[in-house]
Amino acid sequence: MRKVPLKNKKVAVKPGKKIVSRKSIIVSIKKAVRITQLGDGFARFTFAPVTIPAFSSRNYTVNGNSYNIISGSWFLTGTQQGYVLNNYSSGESTWFFTAWNPSNVARSAYYVVIAKIKP
């Protein structure tokens, strides 16, 4: 069987696995589907779920605009294993996540950040 080289550098084939893909999603804190005011300028922002296909990862970036993002959290649906590869602040008003779905079914990932309005 002849191997065909992949032209897209964001896609890699692992032995014994299906094609692994990575996709980046960038959202503004203004796109949150639920905002919970916590007092003293703090708020919790919950975003719409993102579908992560089987054997894939998703990069998810939240831009805070007029908020300083303090903390970020995530969870995957289902009982299979799932991992967060990255979960960190990449600036005063930016939070970065990478979620990995090693299972053989698509799953939804939910992201939440806590932020404080800029003075």
Protein backbone atom coordinates (compact mmCIF):
# COMPACT_ATOMS: atom_id res chain seq x y z
CA MET A 1 0.00 0.00 0.00
CA ARG A 2 1.40 3.37 -1.01
CA LYS A 3 1.47 6.13 1.59
CA VAL A 4 0.20 9.51 0.47
CA PRO A 5 1.89 12.51 2.09
CA LEU A 6 -0.43 14.87 3.92
CA LYS A 7 -0.42 18.44 2.67
CA ASN A 8 -2.16 19.99 5.66
CA LYS A 9 0.35 20.40 8.48
CA LYS A 10 -2.44 20.51 11.08
CA VAL A 11 -3.37 16.90 10.36
CA ALA A 12 -1.22 13.91 11.34
CA VAL A 13 -1.81 10.18 11.09
CA LYS A 14 -0.82 8.00 14.04
CA PRO A 15 -0.32 4.24 13.67
CA GLY A 16 -3.45 2.34 14.66
CA LYS A 17 -5.49 5.52 15.02
CA LYS A 18 -7.79 7.50 12.81
CA ILE A 19 -6.77 10.88 11.46
CA VAL A 20 -6.07 13.33 14.26
CA SER A 21 -7.05 16.92 13.63
CA ARG A 22 -6.68 20.15 15.53
CA LYS A 23 -8.91 23.17 15.16
CA SER A 24 -8.64 26.59 16.77
CA ILE A 25 -11.63 28.54 18.03
CA ILE A 26 -11.38 32.14 19.23
CA VAL A 27 -14.29 33.75 21.08
CA SER A 28 -14.92 37.06 22.78
CA ILE A 29 -16.10 37.16 26.37
CA LYS A 30 -19.13 39.02 24.96
CA LYS A 31 -20.24 35.74 23.31
CA ALA A 32 -20.83 34.00 26.65
CA VAL A 33 -24.20 32.25 26.82
CA ARG A 34 -24.45 32.71 30.58
CA ILE A 35 -22.99 35.43 32.80
CA THR A 36 -23.14 35.15 36.59
CA GLN A 37 -22.27 38.32 38.49
CA LEU A 38 -20.13 37.44 41.53
CA GLY A 39 -19.84 40.95 43.02
CA ASP A 40 -17.06 43.57 43.24
CA GLY A 41 -16.63 43.54 39.43
CA PHE A 42 -16.10 39.76 39.19
CA ALA A 43 -18.21 37.56 36.91
CA ARG A 44 -18.32 33.97 35.66
CA PHE A 45 -18.75 33.54 31.89
CA THR A 46 -20.01 30.23 30.47
CA PHE A 47 -19.67 29.55 26.74
CA ALA A 48 -21.67 27.39 24.34
CA PRO A 49 -20.38 23.81 24.09
CA VAL A 50 -17.85 22.89 21.42
CA THR A 51 -17.98 19.47 19.74
CA ILE A 52 -14.66 17.62 19.73
CA PRO A 53 -14.62 14.73 17.24
CA ALA A 54 -13.15 11.34 18.14
CA PHE A 55 -9.35 11.25 18.48
CA SER A 56 -9.10 15.04 18.09
CA SER A 57 -8.18 18.13 20.02
CA ARG A 58 -9.50 21.68 19.98
CA ASN A 59 -7.70 24.90 20.82
CA TYR A 60 -10.07 27.37 22.44
CA THR A 61 -9.09 30.98 23.14
CA VAL A 62 -11.22 33.44 25.12
CA ASN A 63 -10.51 37.16 24.68
CA GLY A 64 -11.56 39.23 27.68
CA ASN A 65 -11.86 42.64 25.98
CA SER A 66 -12.78 44.91 28.92
CA TYR A 67 -12.19 42.12 31.49
CA ASN A 68 -9.03 40.67 33.02
CA ILE A 69 -9.44 36.89 32.96
CA ILE A 70 -8.37 35.33 36.25
CA SER A 71 -9.20 31.65 35.94
CA GLY A 72 -10.47 29.11 33.43
CA SER A 73 -12.21 25.76 33.75
CA TRP A 74 -13.57 23.09 31.40
CA PHE A 75 -15.28 19.71 31.32
CA LEU A 76 -16.14 17.06 28.71
CA THR A 77 -19.44 15.21 28.45
CA GLY A 78 -19.57 11.44 28.77
CA THR A 79 -17.76 9.01 31.02
CA GLN A 80 -14.78 8.28 28.76
CA GLN A 81 -11.40 9.77 29.48
CA GLY A 82 -10.62 13.26 28.26
CA TYR A 83 -7.70 15.57 28.89
CA VAL A 84 -6.90 19.22 28.90
CA LEU A 85 -3.46 19.70 27.38
CA ASN A 86 -3.26 23.45 28.00
CA ASN A 87 -5.14 25.71 30.39
CA TYR A 88 -3.38 29.01 31.01
CA SER A 89 -3.50 32.78 30.77
CA SER A 90 -1.75 34.00 27.65
CA GLY A 91 -2.12 37.66 28.60
CA GLU A 92 -4.06 39.91 30.97
CA SER A 93 -7.27 39.47 29.04
CA THR A 94 -6.75 36.16 27.20
CA TRP A 95 -7.22 32.54 28.35
CA PHE A 96 -6.13 29.53 26.30
CA PHE A 97 -7.39 25.92 26.48
CA THR A 98 -6.55 22.78 24.51
CA ALA A 99 -8.88 19.82 25.10
CA TRP A 100 -8.08 16.31 23.80
CA ASN A 101 -10.74 13.66 23.14
CA PRO A 102 -9.00 10.25 22.98
CA SER A 103 -12.29 8.32 22.79
CA ASN A 104 -13.85 6.92 19.63
CA VAL A 105 -17.00 9.10 19.86
CA ALA A 106 -17.53 12.85 19.46
CA ARG A 107 -18.01 14.73 22.73
CA SER A 108 -18.92 18.23 23.84
CA ALA A 109 -16.53 20.44 25.79
CA TYR A 110 -17.76 23.26 28.01
CA TYR A 111 -15.56 26.24 28.92
CA VAL A 112 -15.96 28.70 31.79
CA VAL A 113 -13.80 31.68 32.80
CA ILE A 114 -13.86 33.99 35.80
CA ALA A 115 -12.93 37.58 35.09
CA LYS A 116 -12.86 41.02 36.71
CA ILE A 117 -13.77 44.17 34.88
CA LYS A 118 -10.74 46.36 34.09
CA PRO A 119 -10.44 49.50 36.23
